[in-house]
């Protein structure tokens, strides 16, 4: 009759690639 507890599971991933140029530095970020 007591309440017990269970955690849900989550997965997450992200990646980012970009330029280190001093003036113009585009980049792309992707996550799931």
ModelCIF file with pLDDT and N, C-alpha, C, O atoms, coordinates in Angstrom:
data_MODEL
#
_entry.id   MODEL 
#
_entity.id                         1 
_entity.type                       polymer 
_entity.pdbx_number_of_molecules   1 
#
_entity_poly.entity_id                      1 
_entity_poly.type                           'polypeptide(L)' 
_entity_poly.nstd_linkage                   no 
_entity_poly.nstd_monomer                   no 
_entity_poly.pdbx_seq_one_letter_code       
;(UNK)(UNK)(UNK)(UNK)(UNK)(UNK)(UNK)(UNK)(UNK)(UNK)(UNK)(UNK)(UNK)(UNK)(UNK)(UNK)
(UNK)(UNK)(UNK)(UNK)(UNK)(UNK)(UNK)(UNK)(UNK)(UNK)(UNK)(UNK)(UNK)(UNK)(UNK)(UNK)
;
_entity_poly.pdbx_seq_one_letter_code_can   XXXXXXXXXXXXXXXXXXXXXXXXXXXXXXXX 
_entity_poly.pdbx_strand_id                 A 
#
loop_
_entity_poly_seq.entity_id 
_entity_poly_seq.num 
_entity_poly_seq.mon_id 
_entity_poly_seq.hetero 
1 1  UNK n 
1 2  UNK n 
1 3  UNK n 
1 4  UNK n 
1 5  UNK n 
1 6  UNK n 
1 7  UNK n 
1 8  UNK n 
1 9  UNK n 
1 10 UNK n 
1 11 UNK n 
1 12 UNK n 
1 13 UNK n 
1 14 UNK n 
1 15 UNK n 
1 16 UNK n 
1 17 UNK n 
1 18 UNK n 
1 19 UNK n 
1 20 UNK n 
1 21 UNK n 
1 22 UNK n 
1 23 UNK n 
1 24 UNK n 
1 25 UNK n 
1 26 UNK n 
1 27 UNK n 
1 28 UNK n 
1 29 UNK n 
1 30 UNK n 
1 31 UNK n 
1 32 UNK n 
#
_struct_asym.id          A 
_struct_asym.entity_id   1 
#
loop_
_ma_qa_metric.id 
_ma_qa_metric.mode 
_ma_qa_metric.name 
_ma_qa_metric.software_group_id 
_ma_qa_metric.type 
1 global pLDDT . pLDDT 
2 local  pLDDT . pLDDT 
#
_ma_qa_metric_global.metric_id      1 
_ma_qa_metric_global.metric_value   93.66 
_ma_qa_metric_global.model_id       1 
_ma_qa_metric_global.ordinal_id     1 
#
loop_
_ma_qa_metric_local.label_asym_id 
_ma_qa_metric_local.label_comp_id 
_ma_qa_metric_local.label_seq_id 
_ma_qa_metric_local.metric_id 
_ma_qa_metric_local.metric_value 
_ma_qa_metric_local.model_id 
_ma_qa_metric_local.ordinal_id 
A UNK 1  2 87.00 1 1  
A UNK 2  2 88.00 1 2  
A UNK 3  2 87.00 1 3  
A UNK 4  2 89.00 1 4  
A UNK 5  2 90.00 1 5  
A UNK 6  2 90.00 1 6  
A UNK 7  2 91.00 1 7  
A UNK 8  2 92.00 1 8  
A UNK 9  2 93.00 1 9  
A UNK 10 2 94.00 1 10 
A UNK 11 2 96.00 1 11 
A UNK 12 2 97.00 1 12 
A UNK 13 2 97.00 1 13 
A UNK 14 2 98.00 1 14 
A UNK 15 2 98.00 1 15 
A UNK 16 2 97.00 1 16 
A UNK 17 2 97.00 1 17 
A UNK 18 2 96.00 1 18 
A UNK 19 2 95.00 1 19 
A UNK 20 2 94.00 1 20 
A UNK 21 2 93.00 1 21 
A UNK 22 2 90.00 1 22 
A UNK 23 2 92.00 1 23 
A UNK 24 2 92.00 1 24 
A UNK 25 2 92.00 1 25 
A UNK 26 2 94.00 1 26 
A UNK 27 2 95.00 1 27 
A UNK 28 2 96.00 1 28 
A UNK 29 2 96.00 1 29 
A UNK 30 2 97.00 1 30 
A UNK 31 2 97.00 1 31 
A UNK 32 2 97.00 1 32 
#
loop_
_atom_site.group_PDB 
_atom_site.id 
_atom_site.type_symbol 
_atom_site.label_atom_id 
_atom_site.label_alt_id 
_atom_site.label_comp_id 
_atom_site.label_asym_id 
_atom_site.label_entity_id 
_atom_site.label_seq_id 
_atom_site.pdbx_PDB_ins_code 
_atom_site.Cartn_x 
_atom_site.Cartn_y 
_atom_site.Cartn_z 
_atom_site.occupancy 
_atom_site.B_iso_or_equiv 
_atom_site.pdbx_formal_charge 
_atom_site.auth_seq_id 
_atom_site.auth_comp_id 
_atom_site.auth_asym_id 
_atom_site.auth_atom_id 
_atom_site.pdbx_PDB_model_num 
ATOM 1   N N  . UNK A 1 1  ? 0.795  -1.224 0.000   1.00 87.00 ? 1  UNK A N  1 
ATOM 2   C CA . UNK A 1 1  ? 0.000  0.000  0.000   1.00 87.00 ? 1  UNK A CA 1 
ATOM 3   C C  . UNK A 1 1  ? 0.826  1.271  0.000   1.00 87.00 ? 1  UNK A C  1 
ATOM 4   O O  . UNK A 1 1  ? 0.266  2.363  -0.104  1.00 87.00 ? 1  UNK A O  1 
ATOM 5   N N  . UNK A 1 2  ? 2.147  1.163  0.114   1.00 88.00 ? 2  UNK A N  1 
ATOM 6   C CA . UNK A 1 2  ? 3.018  2.337  0.106   1.00 88.00 ? 2  UNK A CA 1 
ATOM 7   C C  . UNK A 1 2  ? 3.343  2.744  -1.330  1.00 88.00 ? 2  UNK A C  1 
ATOM 8   O O  . UNK A 1 2  ? 3.328  1.912  -2.236  1.00 88.00 ? 2  UNK A O  1 
ATOM 9   N N  . UNK A 1 3  ? 3.633  4.022  -1.528  1.00 87.00 ? 3  UNK A N  1 
ATOM 10  C CA . UNK A 1 3  ? 4.044  4.523  -2.831  1.00 87.00 ? 3  UNK A CA 1 
ATOM 11  C C  . UNK A 1 3  ? 5.541  4.310  -3.029  1.00 87.00 ? 3  UNK A C  1 
ATOM 12  O O  . UNK A 1 3  ? 6.352  4.652  -2.170  1.00 87.00 ? 3  UNK A O  1 
ATOM 13  N N  . UNK A 1 4  ? 5.885  3.740  -4.172  1.00 89.00 ? 4  UNK A N  1 
ATOM 14  C CA . UNK A 1 4  ? 7.276  3.576  -4.585  1.00 89.00 ? 4  UNK A CA 1 
ATOM 15  C C  . UNK A 1 4  ? 7.516  4.506  -5.768  1.00 89.00 ? 4  UNK A C  1 
ATOM 16  O O  . UNK A 1 4  ? 6.568  5.012  -6.369  1.00 89.00 ? 4  UNK A O  1 
ATOM 17  N N  . UNK A 1 5  ? 8.793  4.732  -6.103  1.00 90.00 ? 5  UNK A N  1 
ATOM 18  C CA . UNK A 1 5  ? 9.122  5.727  -7.121  1.00 90.00 ? 5  UNK A CA 1 
ATOM 19  C C  . UNK A 1 5  ? 10.070 5.146  -8.155  1.00 90.00 ? 5  UNK A C  1 
ATOM 20  O O  . UNK A 1 5  ? 10.986 4.388  -7.834  1.00 90.00 ? 5  UNK A O  1 
ATOM 21  N N  . UNK A 1 6  ? 9.825  5.523  -9.415  1.00 90.00 ? 6  UNK A N  1 
ATOM 22  C CA . UNK A 1 6  ? 10.631 5.052  -10.524 1.00 90.00 ? 6  UNK A CA 1 
ATOM 23  C C  . UNK A 1 6  ? 10.953 6.211  -11.449 1.00 90.00 ? 6  UNK A C  1 
ATOM 24  O O  . UNK A 1 6  ? 10.065 6.984  -11.810 1.00 90.00 ? 6  UNK A O  1 
ATOM 25  N N  . UNK A 1 7  ? 12.215 6.339  -11.837 1.00 91.00 ? 7  UNK A N  1 
ATOM 26  C CA . UNK A 1 7  ? 12.636 7.444  -12.703 1.00 91.00 ? 7  UNK A CA 1 
ATOM 27  C C  . UNK A 1 7  ? 12.519 7.061  -14.167 1.00 91.00 ? 7  UNK A C  1 
ATOM 28  O O  . UNK A 1 7  ? 12.744 5.908  -14.535 1.00 91.00 ? 7  UNK A O  1 
ATOM 29  N N  . UNK A 1 8  ? 12.163 8.037  -15.007 1.00 92.00 ? 8  UNK A N  1 
ATOM 30  C CA . UNK A 1 8  ? 12.138 7.816  -16.452 1.00 92.00 ? 8  UNK A CA 1 
ATOM 31  C C  . UNK A 1 8  ? 13.541 8.030  -17.015 1.00 92.00 ? 8  UNK A C  1 
ATOM 32  O O  . UNK A 1 8  ? 14.365 8.728  -16.424 1.00 92.00 ? 8  UNK A O  1 
ATOM 33  N N  . UNK A 1 9  ? 13.791 7.418  -18.162 1.00 93.00 ? 9  UNK A N  1 
ATOM 34  C CA . UNK A 1 9  ? 15.117 7.483  -18.779 1.00 93.00 ? 9  UNK A CA 1 
ATOM 35  C C  . UNK A 1 9  ? 15.104 8.444  -19.957 1.00 93.00 ? 9  UNK A C  1 
ATOM 36  O O  . UNK A 1 9  ? 14.175 8.441  -20.765 1.00 93.00 ? 9  UNK A O  1 
ATOM 37  N N  . UNK A 1 10 ? 16.144 9.266  -20.046 1.00 94.00 ? 10 UNK A N  1 
ATOM 38  C CA . UNK A 1 10 ? 16.282 10.246 -21.122 1.00 94.00 ? 10 UNK A CA 1 
ATOM 39  C C  . UNK A 1 10 ? 17.653 10.110 -21.778 1.00 94.00 ? 10 UNK A C  1 
ATOM 40  O O  . UNK A 1 10 ? 18.666 9.913  -21.106 1.00 94.00 ? 10 UNK A O  1 
ATOM 41  N N  . UNK A 1 11 ? 17.660 10.220 -23.101 1.00 96.00 ? 11 UNK A N  1 
ATOM 42  C CA . UNK A 1 11 ? 18.899 10.278 -23.869 1.00 96.00 ? 11 UNK A CA 1 
ATOM 43  C C  . UNK A 1 11 ? 18.970 11.620 -24.583 1.00 96.00 ? 11 UNK A C  1 
ATOM 44  O O  . UNK A 1 11 ? 17.957 12.118 -25.074 1.00 96.00 ? 11 UNK A O  1 
ATOM 45  N N  . UNK A 1 12 ? 20.143 12.200 -24.642 1.00 97.00 ? 12 UNK A N  1 
ATOM 46  C CA . UNK A 1 12 ? 20.319 13.466 -25.357 1.00 97.00 ? 12 UNK A CA 1 
ATOM 47  C C  . UNK A 1 12 ? 21.712 13.506 -25.971 1.00 97.00 ? 12 UNK A C  1 
ATOM 48  O O  . UNK A 1 12 ? 22.682 13.016 -25.392 1.00 97.00 ? 12 UNK A O  1 
ATOM 49  N N  . UNK A 1 13 ? 21.787 14.095 -27.148 1.00 97.00 ? 13 UNK A N  1 
ATOM 50  C CA . UNK A 1 13 ? 23.068 14.212 -27.852 1.00 97.00 ? 13 UNK A CA 1 
ATOM 51  C C  . UNK A 1 13 ? 23.055 15.507 -28.654 1.00 97.00 ? 13 UNK A C  1 
ATOM 52  O O  . UNK A 1 13 ? 22.034 15.883 -29.230 1.00 97.00 ? 13 UNK A O  1 
ATOM 53  N N  . UNK A 1 14 ? 24.184 16.175 -28.685 1.00 98.00 ? 14 UNK A N  1 
ATOM 54  C CA . UNK A 1 14 ? 24.317 17.343 -29.542 1.00 98.00 ? 14 UNK A CA 1 
ATOM 55  C C  . UNK A 1 14 ? 25.731 17.431 -30.105 1.00 98.00 ? 14 UNK A C  1 
ATOM 56  O O  . UNK A 1 14 ? 26.685 16.904 -29.532 1.00 98.00 ? 14 UNK A O  1 
ATOM 57  N N  . UNK A 1 15 ? 25.835 18.105 -31.232 1.00 98.00 ? 15 UNK A N  1 
ATOM 58  C CA . UNK A 1 15 ? 27.138 18.330 -31.850 1.00 98.00 ? 15 UNK A CA 1 
ATOM 59  C C  . UNK A 1 15 ? 27.150 19.710 -32.494 1.00 98.00 ? 15 UNK A C  1 
ATOM 60  O O  . UNK A 1 15 ? 26.113 20.218 -32.920 1.00 98.00 ? 15 UNK A O  1 
ATOM 61  N N  . UNK A 1 16 ? 28.314 20.301 -32.560 1.00 97.00 ? 16 UNK A N  1 
ATOM 62  C CA . UNK A 1 16 ? 28.464 21.648 -33.101 1.00 97.00 ? 16 UNK A CA 1 
ATOM 63  C C  . UNK A 1 16 ? 29.784 21.740 -33.853 1.00 97.00 ? 16 UNK A C  1 
ATOM 64  O O  . UNK A 1 16 ? 30.818 21.279 -33.370 1.00 97.00 ? 16 UNK A O  1 
ATOM 65  N N  . UNK A 1 17 ? 29.741 22.329 -35.022 1.00 97.00 ? 17 UNK A N  1 
ATOM 66  C CA . UNK A 1 17 ? 30.946 22.539 -35.813 1.00 97.00 ? 17 UNK A CA 1 
ATOM 67  C C  . UNK A 1 17 ? 30.927 23.957 -36.351 1.00 97.00 ? 17 UNK A C  1 
ATOM 68  O O  . UNK A 1 17 ? 29.885 24.456 -36.775 1.00 97.00 ? 17 UNK A O  1 
ATOM 69  N N  . UNK A 1 18 ? 32.098 24.610 -36.331 1.00 96.00 ? 18 UNK A N  1 
ATOM 70  C CA . UNK A 1 18 ? 32.121 25.998 -36.762 1.00 96.00 ? 18 UNK A CA 1 
ATOM 71  C C  . UNK A 1 18 ? 33.523 26.509 -37.013 1.00 96.00 ? 18 UNK A C  1 
ATOM 72  O O  . UNK A 1 18 ? 34.508 25.780 -36.898 1.00 96.00 ? 18 UNK A O  1 
ATOM 73  N N  . UNK A 1 19 ? 33.581 27.761 -37.355 1.00 95.00 ? 19 UNK A N  1 
ATOM 74  C CA . UNK A 1 19 ? 34.840 28.420 -37.693 1.00 95.00 ? 19 UNK A CA 1 
ATOM 75  C C  . UNK A 1 19 ? 35.368 29.204 -36.493 1.00 95.00 ? 19 UNK A C  1 
ATOM 76  O O  . UNK A 1 19 ? 34.594 29.720 -35.687 1.00 95.00 ? 19 UNK A O  1 
ATOM 77  N N  . UNK A 1 20 ? 36.687 29.284 -36.388 1.00 94.00 ? 20 UNK A N  1 
ATOM 78  C CA . UNK A 1 20 ? 37.338 30.131 -35.377 1.00 94.00 ? 20 UNK A CA 1 
ATOM 79  C C  . UNK A 1 20 ? 37.917 31.400 -36.002 1.00 94.00 ? 20 UNK A C  1 
ATOM 80  O O  . UNK A 1 20 ? 38.825 32.012 -35.440 1.00 94.00 ? 20 UNK A O  1 
ATOM 81  N N  . UNK A 1 21 ? 37.394 31.792 -37.160 1.00 93.00 ? 21 UNK A N  1 
ATOM 82  C CA . UNK A 1 21 ? 37.868 32.992 -37.831 1.00 93.00 ? 21 UNK A CA 1 
ATOM 83  C C  . UNK A 1 21 ? 37.646 34.209 -36.936 1.00 93.00 ? 21 UNK A C  1 
ATOM 84  O O  . UNK A 1 21 ? 36.658 34.278 -36.206 1.00 93.00 ? 21 UNK A O  1 
ATOM 85  N N  . UNK A 1 22 ? 38.558 35.154 -36.997 1.00 90.00 ? 22 UNK A N  1 
ATOM 86  C CA . UNK A 1 22 ? 38.529 36.293 -36.075 1.00 90.00 ? 22 UNK A CA 1 
ATOM 87  C C  . UNK A 1 22 ? 37.367 37.247 -36.341 1.00 90.00 ? 22 UNK A C  1 
ATOM 88  O O  . UNK A 1 22 ? 36.897 37.900 -35.409 1.00 90.00 ? 22 UNK A O  1 
ATOM 89  N N  . UNK A 1 23 ? 36.888 37.350 -37.583 1.00 92.00 ? 23 UNK A N  1 
ATOM 90  C CA . UNK A 1 23 ? 35.846 38.330 -37.894 1.00 92.00 ? 23 UNK A CA 1 
ATOM 91  C C  . UNK A 1 23 ? 34.514 37.688 -38.270 1.00 92.00 ? 23 UNK A C  1 
ATOM 92  O O  . UNK A 1 23 ? 33.469 38.113 -37.778 1.00 92.00 ? 23 UNK A O  1 
ATOM 93  N N  . UNK A 1 24 ? 34.531 36.676 -39.131 1.00 92.00 ? 24 UNK A N  1 
ATOM 94  C CA . UNK A 1 24 ? 33.305 35.987 -39.528 1.00 92.00 ? 24 UNK A CA 1 
ATOM 95  C C  . UNK A 1 24 ? 33.453 34.515 -39.162 1.00 92.00 ? 24 UNK A C  1 
ATOM 96  O O  . UNK A 1 24 ? 34.349 33.836 -39.662 1.00 92.00 ? 24 UNK A O  1 
ATOM 97  N N  . UNK A 1 25 ? 32.575 34.022 -38.292 1.00 92.00 ? 25 UNK A N  1 
ATOM 98  C CA . UNK A 1 25 ? 32.716 32.656 -37.769 1.00 92.00 ? 25 UNK A CA 1 
ATOM 99  C C  . UNK A 1 25 ? 31.371 31.940 -37.761 1.00 92.00 ? 25 UNK A C  1 
ATOM 100 O O  . UNK A 1 25 ? 30.723 31.866 -36.718 1.00 92.00 ? 25 UNK A O  1 
ATOM 101 N N  . UNK A 1 26 ? 30.940 31.411 -38.903 1.00 94.00 ? 26 UNK A N  1 
ATOM 102 C CA . UNK A 1 26 ? 29.686 30.662 -38.931 1.00 94.00 ? 26 UNK A CA 1 
ATOM 103 C C  . UNK A 1 26 ? 29.820 29.322 -38.214 1.00 94.00 ? 26 UNK A C  1 
ATOM 104 O O  . UNK A 1 26 ? 30.915 28.772 -38.100 1.00 94.00 ? 26 UNK A O  1 
ATOM 105 N N  . UNK A 1 27 ? 28.682 28.801 -37.729 1.00 95.00 ? 27 UNK A N  1 
ATOM 106 C CA . UNK A 1 27 ? 28.673 27.518 -37.035 1.00 95.00 ? 27 UNK A CA 1 
ATOM 107 C C  . UNK A 1 27 ? 27.299 26.883 -37.180 1.00 95.00 ? 27 UNK A C  1 
ATOM 108 O O  . UNK A 1 27 ? 26.308 27.569 -37.432 1.00 95.00 ? 27 UNK A O  1 
ATOM 109 N N  . UNK A 1 28 ? 27.250 25.558 -37.017 1.00 96.00 ? 28 UNK A N  1 
ATOM 110 C CA . UNK A 1 28 ? 26.002 24.808 -37.082 1.00 96.00 ? 28 UNK A CA 1 
ATOM 111 C C  . UNK A 1 28 ? 25.872 23.968 -35.822 1.00 96.00 ? 28 UNK A C  1 
ATOM 112 O O  . UNK A 1 28 ? 26.826 23.311 -35.405 1.00 96.00 ? 28 UNK A O  1 
ATOM 113 N N  . UNK A 1 29 ? 24.691 23.991 -35.217 1.00 96.00 ? 29 UNK A N  1 
ATOM 114 C CA . UNK A 1 29 ? 24.404 23.231 -34.004 1.00 96.00 ? 29 UNK A CA 1 
ATOM 115 C C  . UNK A 1 29 ? 23.277 22.257 -34.290 1.00 96.00 ? 29 UNK A C  1 
ATOM 116 O O  . UNK A 1 29 ? 22.231 22.654 -34.806 1.00 96.00 ? 29 UNK A O  1 
ATOM 117 N N  . UNK A 1 30 ? 23.475 20.984 -33.962 1.00 97.00 ? 30 UNK A N  1 
ATOM 118 C CA . UNK A 1 30 ? 22.460 19.958 -34.144 1.00 97.00 ? 30 UNK A CA 1 
ATOM 119 C C  . UNK A 1 30 ? 22.280 19.203 -32.837 1.00 97.00 ? 30 UNK A C  1 
ATOM 120 O O  . UNK A 1 30 ? 23.260 18.847 -32.183 1.00 97.00 ? 30 UNK A O  1 
ATOM 121 N N  . UNK A 1 31 ? 21.015 18.954 -32.449 1.00 97.00 ? 31 UNK A N  1 
ATOM 122 C CA . UNK A 1 31 ? 20.769 18.273 -31.182 1.00 97.00 ? 31 UNK A CA 1 
ATOM 123 C C  . UNK A 1 31 ? 19.573 17.333 -31.299 1.00 97.00 ? 31 UNK A C  1 
ATOM 124 O O  . UNK A 1 31 ? 18.671 17.548 -32.109 1.00 97.00 ? 31 UNK A O  1 
ATOM 125 N N  . UNK A 1 32 ? 19.587 16.295 -30.480 1.00 97.00 ? 32 UNK A N  1 
ATOM 126 C CA . UNK A 1 32 ? 18.504 15.311 -30.470 1.00 97.00 ? 32 UNK A CA 1 
ATOM 127 C C  . UNK A 1 32 ? 18.311 14.816 -29.042 1.00 97.00 ? 32 UNK A C  1 
ATOM 128 O O  . UNK A 1 32 ? 17.447 13.976 -28.791 1.00 97.00 ? 32 UNK A O  1 
#
